[in-house]
């Protein structure tokens, strides 16, 4: 996939979001979908069968010490929506491409 943004940051974001889903879903399928839109924005969707529960919005804001704070530090804009079945959810991370300098700060994962 051709995306002009920082590849290493994208890999770290994808790894964290998938790890988080697998850790919290228990039994069930986790699906990863990635795309790049016309504006060169990377979209990373991770869908799992676990319904949204109390505290999800706070967790996605990274305010409870979760890995989503790490995702945001790497440039990810995090949101969620119910999946098509209504029983699960999709976590979406959008990453804007940066300028020609694709460096980003070194941040240790939580």
N, C-alpha and C. Protein backbone atom coordinates (compact mmCIF):
# COMPACT_ATOMS: atom_id res chain seq x y z
N UNK A 1 0.86 -1.17 0.00
CA UNK A 1 0.00 0.00 0.00
C UNK A 1 0.91 1.23 0.00
N UNK A 2 0.61 2.15 -0.88
CA UNK A 2 1.41 3.35 -0.99
C UNK A 2 0.82 4.45 -0.11
N UNK A 3 1.54 4.79 0.94
CA UNK A 3 1.15 5.89 1.82
C UNK A 3 2.40 6.69 2.08
N UNK A 4 2.30 8.01 1.96
CA UNK A 4 3.50 8.84 2.06
C UNK A 4 3.88 9.19 3.50
N UNK A 5 3.07 8.76 4.46
CA UNK A 5 3.34 9.06 5.86
C UNK A 5 4.43 8.19 6.44
N UNK A 6 4.73 8.38 7.73
CA UNK A 6 5.80 7.63 8.40
C UNK A 6 5.43 6.15 8.59
N UNK A 7 6.06 5.30 7.81
CA UNK A 7 5.75 3.87 7.81
C UNK A 7 5.95 3.21 9.17
N UNK A 8 7.05 3.53 9.83
CA UNK A 8 7.32 2.90 11.13
C UNK A 8 6.24 3.27 12.14
N UNK A 9 5.81 4.52 12.14
CA UNK A 9 4.74 4.94 13.05
C UNK A 9 3.45 4.18 12.74
N UNK A 10 3.15 4.01 11.46
CA UNK A 10 1.94 3.28 11.07
C UNK A 10 1.99 1.83 11.56
N UNK A 11 3.12 1.18 11.40
CA UNK A 11 3.27 -0.21 11.86
C UNK A 11 3.07 -0.29 13.37
N UNK A 12 3.63 0.66 14.10
CA UNK A 12 3.49 0.65 15.56
C UNK A 12 2.04 0.90 15.97
N UNK A 13 1.35 1.79 15.27
CA UNK A 13 -0.06 2.06 15.55
C UNK A 13 -0.89 0.81 15.27
N UNK A 14 -0.70 0.19 14.12
CA UNK A 14 -1.45 -1.01 13.75
C UNK A 14 -1.22 -2.11 14.77
N UNK A 15 0.02 -2.30 15.15
CA UNK A 15 0.35 -3.33 16.15
C UNK A 15 -0.37 -3.08 17.46
N UNK A 16 -0.38 -1.86 17.93
CA UNK A 16 -1.02 -1.53 19.21
C UNK A 16 -2.53 -1.73 19.15
N UNK A 17 -3.17 -1.29 18.07
CA UNK A 17 -4.62 -1.39 17.98
C UNK A 17 -5.05 -2.85 17.87
N UNK A 18 -4.34 -3.64 17.08
CA UNK A 18 -4.67 -5.07 16.96
C UNK A 18 -4.39 -5.79 18.29
N UNK A 19 -3.26 -5.49 18.92
CA UNK A 19 -2.93 -6.11 20.21
C UNK A 19 -4.02 -5.82 21.23
N UNK A 20 -4.46 -4.58 21.26
CA UNK A 20 -5.50 -4.18 22.19
C UNK A 20 -6.80 -4.96 21.95
N UNK A 21 -7.19 -5.09 20.69
CA UNK A 21 -8.42 -5.82 20.37
C UNK A 21 -8.30 -7.29 20.77
N UNK A 22 -7.19 -7.92 20.41
CA UNK A 22 -7.00 -9.34 20.74
C UNK A 22 -6.99 -9.54 22.24
N UNK A 23 -6.36 -8.64 22.97
CA UNK A 23 -6.28 -8.75 24.42
C UNK A 23 -7.66 -8.66 25.07
N UNK A 24 -8.53 -7.82 24.54
CA UNK A 24 -9.81 -7.57 25.19
C UNK A 24 -10.98 -8.37 24.63
N UNK A 25 -10.85 -8.97 23.47
CA UNK A 25 -12.01 -9.60 22.85
C UNK A 25 -12.29 -11.00 23.40
N UNK A 26 -11.28 -11.72 23.87
CA UNK A 26 -11.52 -13.09 24.29
C UNK A 26 -11.72 -13.95 23.06
N UNK A 27 -12.81 -14.71 23.02
CA UNK A 27 -13.10 -15.55 21.85
C UNK A 27 -13.75 -14.70 20.77
N UNK A 28 -13.42 -14.99 19.53
CA UNK A 28 -14.03 -14.27 18.43
C UNK A 28 -13.00 -13.82 17.42
N UNK A 29 -13.48 -13.28 16.34
CA UNK A 29 -12.63 -12.85 15.23
C UNK A 29 -12.33 -11.36 15.32
N UNK A 30 -11.08 -11.02 15.09
CA UNK A 30 -10.65 -9.63 14.98
C UNK A 30 -10.24 -9.42 13.52
N UNK A 31 -10.79 -8.38 12.91
CA UNK A 31 -10.52 -8.10 11.50
C UNK A 31 -9.81 -6.77 11.35
N UNK A 32 -8.74 -6.77 10.58
CA UNK A 32 -7.97 -5.56 10.29
C UNK A 32 -8.20 -5.18 8.83
N UNK A 33 -8.57 -3.92 8.61
CA UNK A 33 -8.73 -3.38 7.26
C UNK A 33 -7.98 -2.07 7.19
N UNK A 34 -7.21 -1.88 6.12
CA UNK A 34 -6.47 -0.65 5.95
C UNK A 34 -6.74 -0.09 4.56
N UNK A 35 -6.77 1.23 4.48
CA UNK A 35 -6.92 1.88 3.18
C UNK A 35 -6.29 3.26 3.24
N UNK A 36 -6.01 3.80 2.07
CA UNK A 36 -5.50 5.16 1.94
C UNK A 36 -6.47 5.91 1.04
N UNK A 37 -6.98 7.05 1.51
CA UNK A 37 -7.96 7.79 0.72
C UNK A 37 -7.28 8.77 -0.23
N UNK A 38 -8.11 9.52 -0.95
CA UNK A 38 -7.62 10.46 -1.96
C UNK A 38 -6.72 11.54 -1.37
N UNK A 39 -6.92 11.87 -0.10
CA UNK A 39 -6.12 12.90 0.56
C UNK A 39 -4.86 12.32 1.21
N UNK A 40 -4.56 11.06 0.91
CA UNK A 40 -3.40 10.35 1.45
C UNK A 40 -3.49 10.16 2.96
N UNK A 41 -4.72 10.02 3.46
CA UNK A 41 -4.94 9.71 4.88
C UNK A 41 -5.04 8.19 5.01
N UNK A 42 -4.28 7.63 5.93
CA UNK A 42 -4.32 6.20 6.21
C UNK A 42 -5.46 5.92 7.17
N UNK A 43 -6.31 4.95 6.82
CA UNK A 43 -7.41 4.51 7.69
C UNK A 43 -7.11 3.09 8.12
N UNK A 44 -7.09 2.86 9.42
CA UNK A 44 -6.88 1.54 9.99
C UNK A 44 -8.12 1.21 10.79
N UNK A 45 -8.85 0.16 10.37
CA UNK A 45 -10.05 -0.28 11.07
C UNK A 45 -9.81 -1.65 11.67
N UNK A 46 -10.09 -1.78 12.96
CA UNK A 46 -10.00 -3.07 13.64
C UNK A 46 -11.38 -3.35 14.22
N UNK A 47 -12.01 -4.42 13.69
CA UNK A 47 -13.37 -4.79 14.10
C UNK A 47 -13.31 -6.04 14.96
N UNK A 48 -14.07 -6.03 16.04
CA UNK A 48 -14.14 -7.20 16.91
C UNK A 48 -15.59 -7.40 17.35
N UNK A 49 -15.92 -8.61 17.84
CA UNK A 49 -17.30 -8.92 18.19
C UNK A 49 -17.74 -8.42 19.56
N UNK A 50 -16.84 -7.79 20.30
CA UNK A 50 -17.19 -7.32 21.63
C UNK A 50 -17.93 -5.99 21.52
N UNK A 51 -19.10 -5.88 22.13
CA UNK A 51 -19.83 -4.61 22.06
C UNK A 51 -19.10 -3.51 22.82
N UNK A 52 -19.38 -2.30 22.42
CA UNK A 52 -18.81 -1.15 23.12
C UNK A 52 -19.33 -1.16 24.55
N UNK A 53 -18.46 -0.98 25.49
CA UNK A 53 -18.88 -0.99 26.89
C UNK A 53 -18.57 0.34 27.55
N UNK A 54 -19.02 0.45 28.76
CA UNK A 54 -18.78 1.65 29.54
C UNK A 54 -17.28 1.88 29.64
N UNK A 55 -16.85 3.09 29.40
CA UNK A 55 -15.44 3.41 29.51
C UNK A 55 -14.68 3.37 28.20
N UNK A 56 -15.33 2.93 27.10
CA UNK A 56 -14.64 2.85 25.82
C UNK A 56 -14.18 4.22 25.34
N UNK A 57 -15.03 5.22 25.44
CA UNK A 57 -14.65 6.55 24.97
C UNK A 57 -13.45 7.08 25.74
N UNK A 58 -13.43 6.87 27.05
CA UNK A 58 -12.29 7.32 27.86
C UNK A 58 -11.03 6.56 27.48
N UNK A 59 -11.17 5.26 27.24
CA UNK A 59 -10.02 4.44 26.85
C UNK A 59 -9.45 4.92 25.51
N UNK A 60 -10.34 5.24 24.58
CA UNK A 60 -9.87 5.68 23.27
C UNK A 60 -9.22 7.06 23.32
N UNK A 61 -9.61 7.86 24.29
CA UNK A 61 -8.96 9.15 24.48
C UNK A 61 -7.58 8.99 25.12
N UNK A 62 -7.33 7.79 25.63
CA UNK A 62 -6.04 7.54 26.27
C UNK A 62 -5.97 8.10 27.67
N UNK A 63 -7.13 8.49 28.21
CA UNK A 63 -7.14 9.13 29.52
C UNK A 63 -7.03 8.13 30.66
N UNK A 64 -7.12 6.84 30.37
CA UNK A 64 -7.03 5.87 31.46
C UNK A 64 -5.71 5.09 31.41
N UNK A 65 -4.72 5.63 30.71
CA UNK A 65 -3.41 4.99 30.68
C UNK A 65 -3.31 3.85 29.69
N UNK A 66 -4.22 3.75 28.74
CA UNK A 66 -4.20 2.66 27.78
C UNK A 66 -3.20 2.93 26.66
N UNK A 67 -3.06 1.95 25.78
CA UNK A 67 -2.20 2.08 24.62
C UNK A 67 -2.71 3.09 23.61
N UNK A 68 -3.93 3.54 23.75
CA UNK A 68 -4.45 4.53 22.82
C UNK A 68 -3.75 5.88 22.97
N UNK A 69 -3.22 6.15 24.15
CA UNK A 69 -2.41 7.36 24.33
C UNK A 69 -1.16 7.25 23.46
N UNK A 70 -0.58 6.08 23.41
CA UNK A 70 0.58 5.80 22.56
C UNK A 70 0.22 6.00 21.09
N UNK A 71 -0.95 5.49 20.68
CA UNK A 71 -1.42 5.65 19.31
C UNK A 71 -1.56 7.13 18.96
N UNK A 72 -2.10 7.90 19.87
CA UNK A 72 -2.26 9.33 19.64
C UNK A 72 -0.90 10.04 19.56
N UNK A 73 0.05 9.63 20.38
CA UNK A 73 1.39 10.24 20.33
C UNK A 73 2.05 10.00 18.99
N UNK A 74 1.70 8.90 18.35
CA UNK A 74 2.26 8.58 17.04
C UNK A 74 1.49 9.23 15.90
N UNK A 75 0.48 10.03 16.22
CA UNK A 75 -0.26 10.75 15.19
C UNK A 75 -1.61 10.17 14.83
N UNK A 76 -2.06 9.15 15.54
CA UNK A 76 -3.35 8.53 15.24
C UNK A 76 -4.52 9.30 15.82
N UNK A 77 -5.56 9.48 15.03
CA UNK A 77 -6.82 10.06 15.50
C UNK A 77 -7.77 8.88 15.67
N UNK A 78 -8.21 8.61 16.89
CA UNK A 78 -8.94 7.39 17.21
C UNK A 78 -10.42 7.67 17.41
N UNK A 79 -11.26 6.82 16.82
CA UNK A 79 -12.71 6.88 17.02
C UNK A 79 -13.26 5.45 16.94
N UNK A 80 -14.55 5.31 17.16
CA UNK A 80 -15.16 3.99 17.06
C UNK A 80 -16.60 4.13 16.56
N UNK A 81 -17.14 3.02 16.06
CA UNK A 81 -18.54 2.96 15.66
C UNK A 81 -18.99 1.51 15.73
N UNK A 82 -20.30 1.28 15.92
CA UNK A 82 -20.81 -0.09 15.97
C UNK A 82 -20.59 -0.78 14.62
N UNK A 83 -20.33 -2.09 14.64
CA UNK A 83 -20.18 -2.78 13.37
C UNK A 83 -21.55 -3.01 12.73
N UNK A 84 -21.56 -3.55 11.53
CA UNK A 84 -22.81 -3.70 10.78
C UNK A 84 -23.82 -4.57 11.49
N UNK A 85 -23.37 -5.56 12.25
CA UNK A 85 -24.29 -6.46 12.95
C UNK A 85 -24.91 -5.79 14.18
N UNK A 86 -24.27 -4.74 14.66
CA UNK A 86 -24.75 -4.07 15.86
C UNK A 86 -24.29 -4.71 17.14
N UNK A 87 -23.62 -5.86 17.05
CA UNK A 87 -23.19 -6.53 18.27
C UNK A 87 -21.72 -6.29 18.59
N UNK A 88 -20.95 -5.84 17.64
CA UNK A 88 -19.54 -5.58 17.85
C UNK A 88 -19.23 -4.13 17.55
N UNK A 89 -17.95 -3.86 17.36
CA UNK A 89 -17.55 -2.48 17.10
C UNK A 89 -16.31 -2.45 16.22
N UNK A 90 -16.08 -1.29 15.65
CA UNK A 90 -14.87 -1.03 14.88
C UNK A 90 -14.15 0.15 15.51
N UNK A 91 -12.88 -0.03 15.77
CA UNK A 91 -12.01 1.05 16.20
C UNK A 91 -11.34 1.57 14.93
N UNK A 92 -11.43 2.87 14.70
CA UNK A 92 -10.81 3.46 13.50
C UNK A 92 -9.71 4.42 13.93
N UNK A 93 -8.57 4.26 13.28
CA UNK A 93 -7.46 5.19 13.47
C UNK A 93 -7.18 5.83 12.12
N UNK A 94 -7.14 7.15 12.12
CA UNK A 94 -6.78 7.92 10.93
C UNK A 94 -5.42 8.53 11.17
N UNK A 95 -4.55 8.40 10.17
CA UNK A 95 -3.21 8.99 10.27
C UNK A 95 -2.99 9.88 9.06
N UNK A 96 -2.71 11.14 9.34
CA UNK A 96 -2.41 12.11 8.28
C UNK A 96 -0.96 11.90 7.84
N UNK A 97 -0.69 12.08 6.56
CA UNK A 97 0.71 12.04 6.14
C UNK A 97 1.40 13.29 6.67
N UNK A 98 2.65 13.18 6.93
CA UNK A 98 3.41 14.36 7.36
C UNK A 98 4.18 14.87 6.17
N UNK A 99 4.89 15.97 6.35
CA UNK A 99 5.66 16.54 5.25
C UNK A 99 6.76 15.60 4.79
N UNK A 100 7.72 16.12 4.07
CA UNK A 100 8.79 15.31 3.54
C UNK A 100 9.66 14.70 4.63
N UNK A 101 9.71 15.33 5.79
CA UNK A 101 10.46 14.80 6.92
C UNK A 101 9.55 13.84 7.67
N UNK A 102 9.73 12.55 7.48
CA UNK A 102 8.88 11.54 8.09
C UNK A 102 9.43 11.04 9.41
N UNK A 103 10.16 11.86 10.10
CA UNK A 103 10.65 11.47 11.41
C UNK A 103 9.55 11.72 12.43
N UNK A 104 9.61 11.01 13.51
CA UNK A 104 8.66 11.18 14.60
C UNK A 104 9.39 10.87 15.89
N UNK A 105 8.86 11.35 17.00
CA UNK A 105 9.57 11.14 18.26
C UNK A 105 9.63 9.67 18.65
N UNK A 106 10.71 9.30 19.27
CA UNK A 106 10.84 7.94 19.79
C UNK A 106 10.04 7.85 21.07
N UNK A 107 9.04 6.97 21.07
CA UNK A 107 8.17 6.81 22.23
C UNK A 107 8.11 5.34 22.56
N UNK A 108 8.30 5.01 23.80
CA UNK A 108 8.25 3.61 24.22
C UNK A 108 6.80 3.22 24.41
N UNK A 109 6.45 2.02 23.97
CA UNK A 109 5.10 1.50 24.15
C UNK A 109 4.83 1.29 25.62
N UNK A 110 3.55 1.47 26.01
CA UNK A 110 3.21 1.28 27.44
C UNK A 110 3.37 -0.16 27.86
